[in-house]
């Protein structure tokens, strides 16, 4: 992003230098040329300011994911955290404590855990022969619209 801005500025400056060197400059015309250069630089800087730089917002993917309420995937994602590795016994205890549900067969949770790990939402670790899981901290950056673009979009999409 910054690279593109610097390239456009340096490209404009090189064009400005070529423009200034095009003709012979006499002593009487020297002031006019430097004044024109300063005006041109001012116009270019104002143009860059009006373009505006896009802003970015960091978003956590977990804030936007929803699972069917009451499903095993919903239970798993609600009891797991980002920082702590949790074993199956602890997952079952937390589900029982939080939702009041006692799974008779803990193996029914393994397919859901495996699917969530395979899709990249959870991390798995084997420590001392026991599997442990935790949520992946999934952050993405989203380009925010510039306020002027928002106004234009609103006026076009809603004519009333």
Protein backbone atom coordinates (compact mmCIF):
# COMPACT_ATOMS: atom_id res chain seq x y z
CA UNK A 1 0.00 0.00 0.00
CA UNK A 2 2.70 2.46 1.02
CA UNK A 3 4.82 1.23 -1.84
CA UNK A 4 2.15 2.27 -4.34
CA UNK A 5 1.86 5.72 -2.76
CA UNK A 6 5.62 6.25 -2.86
CA UNK A 7 5.77 5.09 -6.47
CA UNK A 8 3.06 7.54 -7.51
CA UNK A 9 4.76 10.41 -5.67
CA UNK A 10 8.19 9.68 -7.16
CA UNK A 11 6.69 9.18 -10.60
CA UNK A 12 4.95 12.56 -10.33
CA UNK A 13 8.17 14.19 -9.15
CA UNK A 14 10.15 12.74 -12.06
CA UNK A 15 7.51 14.07 -14.48
CA UNK A 16 7.72 17.44 -12.75
CA UNK A 17 11.51 17.46 -13.10
CA UNK A 18 11.23 16.66 -16.82
CA UNK A 19 8.66 19.43 -17.23
CA UNK A 20 10.96 21.93 -15.49
CA UNK A 21 13.99 20.93 -17.58
CA UNK A 22 12.18 21.06 -20.95
CA UNK A 23 12.94 24.63 -21.93
CA UNK A 24 15.83 27.01 -21.35
CA UNK A 25 15.29 29.15 -18.30
CA UNK A 26 16.33 32.77 -18.50
CA UNK A 27 16.89 34.99 -15.46
CA UNK A 28 13.61 36.83 -16.08
CA UNK A 29 11.71 33.58 -16.44
CA UNK A 30 13.39 31.87 -13.43
CA UNK A 31 10.88 33.20 -10.88
CA UNK A 32 7.92 32.15 -13.00
CA UNK A 33 9.30 28.63 -13.39
CA UNK A 34 9.92 28.12 -9.66
CA UNK A 35 6.48 29.55 -8.89
CA UNK A 36 4.91 27.17 -11.39
CA UNK A 37 6.82 24.29 -9.83
CA UNK A 38 5.60 25.16 -6.34
CA UNK A 39 2.02 25.47 -7.61
CA UNK A 40 2.33 22.11 -9.35
CA UNK A 41 3.67 20.50 -6.14
CA UNK A 42 0.80 22.00 -4.17
CA UNK A 43 -1.74 20.66 -6.66
CA UNK A 44 -0.17 17.20 -6.50
CA UNK A 45 -0.16 17.10 -2.70
CA UNK A 46 -3.81 18.21 -2.59
CA UNK A 47 -4.65 15.48 -5.09
CA UNK A 48 -3.02 12.86 -2.87
CA UNK A 49 -4.92 14.16 0.16
CA UNK A 50 -8.27 13.96 -1.62
CA UNK A 51 -7.63 10.40 -2.76
CA UNK A 52 -7.32 9.31 0.84
CA UNK A 53 -5.67 6.18 2.03
CA UNK A 54 -7.85 3.14 2.58
CA UNK A 55 -8.30 2.14 6.19
CA UNK A 56 -8.27 -1.43 7.40
CA UNK A 57 -10.18 -3.04 10.22
CA UNK A 58 -9.07 -6.22 11.97
CA UNK A 59 -11.92 -8.69 12.41
CA UNK A 60 -12.03 -11.94 14.39
CA UNK A 61 -13.61 -14.72 12.31
CA UNK A 62 -15.11 -16.33 15.42
CA UNK A 63 -17.35 -13.29 15.94
CA UNK A 64 -19.09 -14.08 12.64
CA UNK A 65 -19.30 -17.89 12.80
CA UNK A 66 -22.52 -19.38 14.12
CA UNK A 67 -23.30 -23.04 14.65
CA UNK A 68 -26.70 -24.63 15.08
CA UNK A 69 -27.67 -24.09 18.69
CA UNK A 70 -27.66 -27.31 20.71
CA UNK A 71 -25.38 -29.18 18.30
CA UNK A 72 -22.09 -30.79 19.27
CA UNK A 73 -20.17 -28.23 17.20
CA UNK A 74 -21.91 -25.41 19.09
CA UNK A 75 -21.02 -27.01 22.44
CA UNK A 76 -17.40 -27.55 21.44
CA UNK A 77 -16.83 -24.02 20.16
CA UNK A 78 -18.41 -22.44 23.24
CA UNK A 79 -16.25 -24.36 25.75
CA UNK A 80 -12.89 -24.02 23.96
CA UNK A 81 -10.64 -20.98 24.27
CA UNK A 82 -7.74 -19.51 22.26
CA UNK A 83 -4.96 -19.82 24.83
CA UNK A 84 -5.67 -23.01 26.76
CA UNK A 85 -5.22 -26.56 25.46
CA UNK A 86 -8.24 -28.58 26.63
CA UNK A 87 -8.49 -32.38 26.91
CA UNK A 88 -11.62 -34.44 26.14
CA UNK A 89 -12.42 -34.92 29.82
CA UNK A 90 -12.32 -31.16 30.37
CA UNK A 91 -14.50 -30.53 27.29
CA UNK A 92 -17.11 -32.99 28.60
CA UNK A 93 -17.00 -31.40 32.08
CA UNK A 94 -17.41 -27.89 30.66
CA UNK A 95 -20.30 -28.92 28.37
CA UNK A 96 -22.04 -30.53 31.36
CA UNK A 97 -21.44 -27.44 33.49
CA UNK A 98 -22.40 -24.87 30.86
CA UNK A 99 -25.26 -26.60 29.02
CA UNK A 100 -26.32 -29.32 31.48
CA UNK A 101 -25.79 -32.03 28.87
CA UNK A 102 -24.01 -35.27 29.72
CA UNK A 103 -22.76 -37.24 26.71
CA UNK A 104 -23.01 -41.00 27.30
CA UNK A 105 -20.42 -41.70 24.63
CA UNK A 106 -17.57 -39.22 24.38
CA UNK A 107 -16.65 -40.63 20.98
CA UNK A 108 -19.59 -38.74 19.48
CA UNK A 109 -17.59 -35.52 19.83
CA UNK A 110 -14.50 -36.76 17.97
CA UNK A 111 -15.95 -36.41 14.43
CA UNK A 112 -16.94 -32.82 15.16
CA UNK A 113 -13.53 -32.02 16.63
CA UNK A 114 -11.80 -33.64 13.64
CA UNK A 115 -13.97 -31.69 11.18
CA UNK A 116 -13.26 -28.41 12.96
CA UNK A 117 -9.52 -29.19 12.99
CA UNK A 118 -9.56 -30.15 9.30
CA UNK A 119 -11.37 -26.95 8.38
CA UNK A 120 -8.68 -24.91 10.18
CA UNK A 121 -10.87 -23.54 12.96
CA UNK A 122 -9.30 -25.60 15.78
CA UNK A 123 -5.77 -26.79 16.57
CA UNK A 124 -5.01 -30.27 17.88
CA UNK A 125 -2.05 -31.43 19.94
CA UNK A 126 -0.95 -34.82 21.22
CA UNK A 127 0.68 -34.50 24.63
CA UNK A 128 1.53 -37.59 26.66
CA UNK A 129 -0.79 -39.78 24.58
CA UNK A 130 -3.80 -37.50 25.13
CA UNK A 131 -5.34 -35.27 22.51
CA UNK A 132 -5.93 -31.64 23.40
CA UNK A 133 -7.65 -28.92 21.39
CA UNK A 134 -7.97 -25.15 21.28
CA UNK A 135 -9.46 -22.52 19.00
CA UNK A 136 -7.27 -20.91 16.38
CA UNK A 137 -7.12 -17.16 16.68
CA UNK A 138 -8.32 -16.24 13.19
CA UNK A 139 -7.87 -12.55 12.49
CA UNK A 140 -8.41 -11.01 9.08
CA UNK A 141 -8.12 -7.48 7.82
CA UNK A 142 -11.03 -5.92 6.00
CA UNK A 143 -10.73 -2.74 3.98
CA UNK A 144 -13.08 -0.11 5.30
CA UNK A 145 -14.86 2.05 2.80
CA UNK A 146 -13.89 5.69 2.71
CA UNK A 147 -16.70 7.90 4.02
CA UNK A 148 -17.23 9.52 0.62
CA UNK A 149 -17.61 6.07 -0.98
CA UNK A 150 -20.17 5.15 1.68
CA UNK A 151 -22.19 8.26 0.95
CA UNK A 152 -22.09 7.58 -2.80
CA UNK A 153 -23.09 3.95 -2.27
CA UNK A 154 -26.00 4.91 -0.04
CA UNK A 155 -27.29 7.51 -2.48
CA UNK A 156 -27.10 5.09 -5.40
CA UNK A 157 -28.60 2.07 -3.63
CA UNK A 158 -31.40 3.97 -1.87
CA UNK A 159 -32.97 6.56 -4.18
CA UNK A 160 -35.50 7.67 -1.55
